[in-house]
Amino acid sequence: MKAKFTNLSLLFLLLFCTTLKSQNNSDSTKSTIKINVSADIVSRYVWRGIDYGNSPAIQPTLSLTAKNLEIGCWGSVATYSFYKEIDLYAKYTYKKFTLIFTDYYIPSYNGTPAAPDTRFFTFKDKTTAHSFEASLMFKGGDKLPLWLLGGVYFYGNDKRLGYDLQKDINEETYYSSYFEAGYTLAIQDNSVDFIVGLTPTTGAYADKFGVVNVGISGSRKIKISDSFELPLKASMIFNPKASTAHFTLGITL
């Protein structure tokens, strides 16, 4: 099993290299492959209603897109704490539906090991710092700017959460789940997103069923020059289950 999941993560890297080489060997005017290299700088890394790192963070992205398939790597490094995260992902889109597989690698929480074995190339289910999630997203498009997302952890470091004694003793997977609905409202050249997210069961997001993510985000582009605009995003995020609130600001380079 360990070798199976090691090979799966290595497959991401192989796909990157193979696709990139294919693009370099082809006529650029005919290539259908797109490369994205970008970075976000955020005042706080708040994801699904939870603050990770309690610090401003730098979040780079590297991805390749070929027709309906996207593979990529995303990360977050806190500037004033020990939190870091590296995620490998693959997305396949068919019409309005996108199937997503994500490998979340989080070795520590502010200096405390997040799993018994925090090395990157270790994938044993009960000890790895990797968590695998499968999710499905629906996006309605311009005429119906609504999206629906559902995801569940199914392997790896979704264990020892402290809510179920029997599961914790046996180091069983909690199968933490998250469901989200969002709607985008366009106002002139700006946009506003409304988001509601919940977890149906005990898991990584809460100790039981509850709404964990209610937010509103505003996005706009600040014109720096005739050829460059700076995307800016501000978000007000509430976690009713945890009784917390966050107000974040981010820019994309």
Protein backbone atom coordinates (compact mmCIF):
# COMPACT_ATOMS: atom_id res chain seq x y z
CA MET A 1 0.00 0.00 0.00
CA LYS A 2 2.85 2.37 0.85
CA ALA A 3 4.46 1.83 -2.54
CA LYS A 4 1.12 2.37 -4.25
CA PHE A 5 0.62 5.85 -2.83
CA THR A 6 4.28 6.78 -3.21
CA ASN A 7 3.96 5.99 -6.91
CA LEU A 8 0.75 8.03 -7.05
CA SER A 9 2.45 11.20 -5.81
CA LEU A 10 5.46 10.60 -8.02
CA LEU A 11 3.00 10.35 -10.92
CA PHE A 12 2.13 14.02 -10.41
CA LEU A 13 5.78 14.96 -10.90
CA LEU A 14 6.08 12.70 -13.93
CA LEU A 15 3.00 14.27 -15.52
CA PHE A 16 4.47 17.72 -14.94
CA CYS A 17 7.76 16.83 -16.60
CA THR A 18 6.19 14.92 -19.50
CA THR A 19 3.66 17.64 -20.27
CA LEU A 20 6.24 20.41 -20.03
CA LYS A 21 8.62 18.55 -22.34
CA SER A 22 5.78 17.97 -24.81
CA GLN A 23 5.07 21.67 -24.90
CA ASN A 24 8.70 22.61 -25.43
CA ASN A 25 8.95 20.17 -28.36
CA SER A 26 5.83 21.45 -30.08
CA ASP A 27 5.04 24.57 -32.06
CA SER A 28 4.00 27.15 -29.47
CA THR A 29 1.29 28.50 -31.77
CA LYS A 30 -0.38 25.08 -31.82
CA SER A 31 0.11 24.12 -28.18
CA THR A 32 -3.03 23.66 -26.10
CA ILE A 33 -1.08 23.47 -22.85
CA LYS A 34 -1.19 26.41 -20.47
CA ILE A 35 1.26 27.03 -17.64
CA ASN A 36 0.30 29.06 -14.59
CA VAL A 37 2.90 30.39 -12.17
CA SER A 38 1.54 32.74 -9.53
CA ALA A 39 1.58 33.57 -5.85
CA ASP A 40 -0.87 34.95 -3.32
CA ILE A 41 0.14 37.03 -0.33
CA VAL A 42 -2.55 36.87 2.35
CA SER A 43 -2.96 38.46 5.77
CA ARG A 44 -4.26 35.13 7.09
CA TYR A 45 -4.65 31.66 5.58
CA VAL A 46 -8.28 30.82 6.38
CA TRP A 47 -9.63 27.74 4.63
CA ARG A 48 -13.09 26.27 5.14
CA GLY A 49 -13.59 28.46 8.18
CA ILE A 50 -10.34 27.52 9.96
CA ASP A 51 -7.22 29.68 10.42
CA TYR A 52 -4.06 27.74 9.50
CA GLY A 53 -0.84 29.26 10.80
CA ASN A 54 -2.21 32.32 12.64
CA SER A 55 0.07 34.45 10.47
CA PRO A 56 0.36 36.21 7.12
CA ALA A 57 1.32 33.68 4.47
CA ILE A 58 2.85 33.34 1.01
CA GLN A 59 1.04 30.88 -1.26
CA PRO A 60 2.68 29.90 -4.57
CA THR A 61 0.96 27.98 -7.37
CA LEU A 62 2.37 26.01 -10.30
CA SER A 63 -0.05 24.28 -12.64
CA LEU A 64 -0.38 22.86 -16.14
CA THR A 65 -3.67 22.72 -18.02
CA ALA A 66 -4.28 20.62 -21.13
CA LYS A 67 -7.85 20.67 -22.41
CA ASN A 68 -10.03 19.33 -19.55
CA LEU A 69 -7.18 18.21 -17.30
CA GLU A 70 -5.26 20.34 -14.81
CA ILE A 71 -2.45 19.14 -12.58
CA GLY A 72 -0.65 21.34 -10.14
CA CYS A 73 1.04 22.14 -6.89
CA TRP A 74 -0.09 24.70 -4.34
CA GLY A 75 1.56 25.65 -1.07
CA SER A 76 1.30 27.92 1.93
CA VAL A 77 4.18 29.11 4.12
CA ALA A 78 3.43 31.18 7.20
CA THR A 79 5.70 34.18 7.74
CA TYR A 80 5.54 34.31 11.56
CA SER A 81 4.89 30.70 12.54
CA PHE A 82 6.10 27.20 11.68
CA TYR A 83 3.05 26.24 9.58
CA LYS A 84 3.64 25.04 6.04
CA GLU A 85 1.59 23.07 3.54
CA ILE A 86 2.27 21.51 0.14
CA ASP A 87 -0.65 20.21 -1.93
CA LEU A 88 -0.54 18.20 -5.14
CA TYR A 89 -3.77 18.06 -7.09
CA ALA A 90 -5.38 16.85 -10.29
CA LYS A 91 -8.65 18.17 -11.76
CA TYR A 92 -10.71 16.83 -14.63
CA THR A 93 -13.60 18.91 -15.94
CA TYR A 94 -16.51 17.59 -17.97
CA LYS A 95 -19.04 20.25 -18.95
CA LYS A 96 -20.05 21.87 -15.63
CA PHE A 97 -18.60 19.22 -13.33
CA THR A 98 -15.03 18.94 -12.02
CA LEU A 99 -13.61 15.88 -10.29
CA ILE A 100 -10.71 16.77 -7.99
CA PHE A 101 -8.10 14.63 -6.25
CA THR A 102 -5.88 16.38 -3.70
CA ASP A 103 -2.90 15.23 -1.67
CA TYR A 104 -2.54 17.58 1.32
CA TYR A 105 0.87 17.42 2.99
CA ILE A 106 1.00 19.20 6.35
CA PRO A 107 4.00 18.11 8.43
CA SER A 108 3.39 20.26 11.51
CA TYR A 109 1.07 22.69 13.27
CA ASN A 110 3.13 25.58 14.62
CA GLY A 111 6.08 23.39 15.47
CA THR A 112 4.12 20.36 16.69
CA PRO A 113 4.34 17.27 14.41
CA ALA A 114 1.01 16.71 12.67
CA ALA A 115 1.55 12.95 12.25
CA PRO A 116 3.78 10.17 13.63
CA ASP A 117 5.92 10.31 10.46
CA THR A 118 6.30 13.74 8.89
CA ARG A 119 8.67 12.82 6.06
CA PHE A 120 7.32 13.67 2.60
CA PHE A 121 7.90 10.33 0.87
CA THR A 122 6.16 8.21 3.50
CA PHE A 123 2.59 7.15 2.79
CA LYS A 124 1.69 4.50 5.35
CA ASP A 125 -1.97 5.09 6.17
CA LYS A 126 -1.71 5.30 9.97
CA THR A 127 1.47 7.37 10.22
CA THR A 128 1.76 9.62 7.15
CA ALA A 129 1.43 13.41 7.21
CA HIS A 130 -0.39 13.24 3.86
CA SER A 131 -4.20 13.39 3.65
CA PHE A 132 -5.99 12.39 0.44
CA GLU A 133 -9.31 13.95 -0.50
CA ALA A 134 -11.72 13.29 -3.36
CA SER A 135 -14.16 16.06 -4.23
CA LEU A 136 -16.68 17.02 -6.88
CA MET A 137 -17.58 20.56 -7.95
CA PHE A 138 -20.44 21.92 -10.02
CA LYS A 139 -20.13 25.40 -11.57
CA GLY A 140 -23.13 26.89 -13.31
CA GLY A 141 -21.22 29.31 -15.55
CA ASP A 142 -21.89 32.95 -16.45
CA LYS A 143 -25.66 32.52 -16.74
CA LEU A 144 -25.87 30.74 -13.38
CA PRO A 145 -22.87 31.89 -11.28
CA LEU A 146 -23.49 29.26 -8.64
CA TRP A 147 -21.09 26.58 -7.46
CA LEU A 148 -21.54 23.48 -5.31
CA LEU A 149 -18.66 21.52 -3.77
CA GLY A 150 -18.47 18.31 -1.80
CA GLY A 151 -15.30 16.62 -0.56
CA VAL A 152 -14.26 13.76 1.73
CA TYR A 153 -10.92 12.61 3.12
CA PHE A 154 -10.44 8.92 2.46
CA TYR A 155 -6.82 8.05 3.33
CA GLY A 156 -3.93 9.22 5.46
CA ASN A 157 -3.74 11.78 8.25
CA ASP A 158 -7.46 12.12 8.98
CA LYS A 159 -7.01 10.32 12.30
CA ARG A 160 -6.41 10.88 16.02
CA LEU A 161 -8.78 13.87 16.13
CA GLY A 162 -9.86 13.28 19.73
CA TYR A 163 -13.62 13.02 19.14
CA ASP A 164 -14.14 9.25 19.01
CA LEU A 165 -12.15 7.19 21.53
CA GLN A 166 -12.52 3.93 19.62
CA LYS A 167 -11.41 5.45 16.33
CA ASP A 168 -8.48 7.17 18.00
CA ILE A 169 -7.28 3.98 19.69
CA ASN A 170 -7.49 2.02 16.43
CA GLU A 171 -6.22 4.99 14.37
CA GLU A 172 -9.22 4.78 12.06
CA THR A 173 -10.03 7.36 9.37
CA TYR A 174 -12.76 9.84 10.31
CA TYR A 175 -13.72 10.44 6.65
CA SER A 176 -14.03 14.15 7.36
CA SER A 177 -16.47 15.74 4.90
CA TYR A 178 -17.20 19.25 3.75
CA PHE A 179 -19.98 20.67 1.57
CA GLU A 180 -20.14 24.20 0.21
CA ALA A 181 -22.45 26.39 -1.85
CA GLY A 182 -21.42 29.71 -3.33
CA TYR A 183 -22.77 32.43 -5.58
CA THR A 184 -20.88 35.15 -7.48
CA LEU A 185 -22.43 38.55 -8.05
CA ALA A 186 -20.76 40.75 -10.69
CA ILE A 187 -20.83 44.49 -10.06
CA GLN A 188 -19.30 46.45 -12.94
CA ASP A 189 -15.68 45.22 -13.15
CA ASN A 190 -15.73 43.81 -9.61
CA SER A 191 -17.22 40.66 -8.11
CA VAL A 192 -18.65 39.54 -4.78
CA ASP A 193 -18.77 35.91 -3.61
CA PHE A 194 -21.23 34.58 -1.03
CA ILE A 195 -20.26 31.27 0.58
CA VAL A 196 -21.85 28.80 3.01
CA GLY A 197 -20.03 25.62 4.04
CA LEU A 198 -20.86 22.85 6.50
CA THR A 199 -19.59 19.53 7.76
CA PRO A 200 -22.18 16.74 8.16
CA THR A 201 -20.25 14.57 10.64
CA THR A 202 -17.57 14.58 13.31
CA GLY A 203 -14.17 15.18 11.76
CA ALA A 204 -11.40 17.62 10.98
CA TYR A 205 -13.75 20.61 10.74
CA ALA A 206 -15.85 20.20 13.91
CA ASP A 207 -16.85 17.79 16.67
CA LYS A 208 -20.26 17.18 15.03
CA PHE A 209 -22.59 18.46 12.32
CA GLY A 210 -22.42 22.21 11.91
CA VAL A 211 -22.01 25.24 9.68
CA VAL A 212 -18.29 26.06 9.70
CA ASN A 213 -17.83 28.58 6.90
CA VAL A 214 -20.03 31.60 6.12
CA GLY A 215 -18.37 34.35 4.17
CA ILE A 216 -18.48 37.20 1.74
CA SER A 217 -15.53 38.10 -0.48
CA GLY A 218 -15.03 41.11 -2.69
CA SER A 219 -12.55 41.11 -5.61
CA ARG A 220 -11.27 43.90 -7.80
CA LYS A 221 -8.25 44.69 -9.98
CA ILE A 222 -6.13 47.76 -9.33
CA LYS A 223 -4.57 49.15 -12.50
CA ILE A 224 -0.83 49.65 -12.04
CA SER A 225 0.06 50.29 -15.67
CA ASP A 226 -1.38 49.76 -19.15
CA SER A 227 -0.11 46.18 -19.13
CA PHE A 228 -0.45 45.18 -15.46
CA GLU A 229 -3.34 44.97 -13.02
CA LEU A 230 -3.05 43.83 -9.39
CA PRO A 231 -5.87 41.50 -8.24
CA LEU A 232 -7.05 42.34 -4.72
CA LYS A 233 -9.40 40.30 -2.52
CA ALA A 234 -10.94 41.00 0.89
CA SER A 235 -12.95 38.39 2.79
CA MET A 236 -15.12 38.44 5.89
CA ILE A 237 -15.38 34.86 7.16
CA PHE A 238 -17.41 33.47 10.05
CA ASN A 239 -17.27 30.00 11.58
CA PRO A 240 -20.57 29.68 13.51
CA LYS A 241 -19.65 26.27 14.89
CA ALA A 242 -16.43 27.55 16.46
CA SER A 243 -17.78 31.06 17.15
CA THR A 244 -14.87 32.70 15.34
CA ALA A 245 -14.54 35.45 12.73
CA HIS A 246 -11.76 36.43 10.35
CA PHE A 247 -11.23 39.43 8.09
CA THR A 248 -8.53 38.75 5.50
CA LEU A 249 -6.85 40.57 2.66
CA GLY A 250 -4.93 39.03 -0.22
CA ILE A 251 -3.17 40.02 -3.43
CA THR A 252 -2.19 37.85 -6.38
CA LEU A 253 1.10 38.25 -8.25
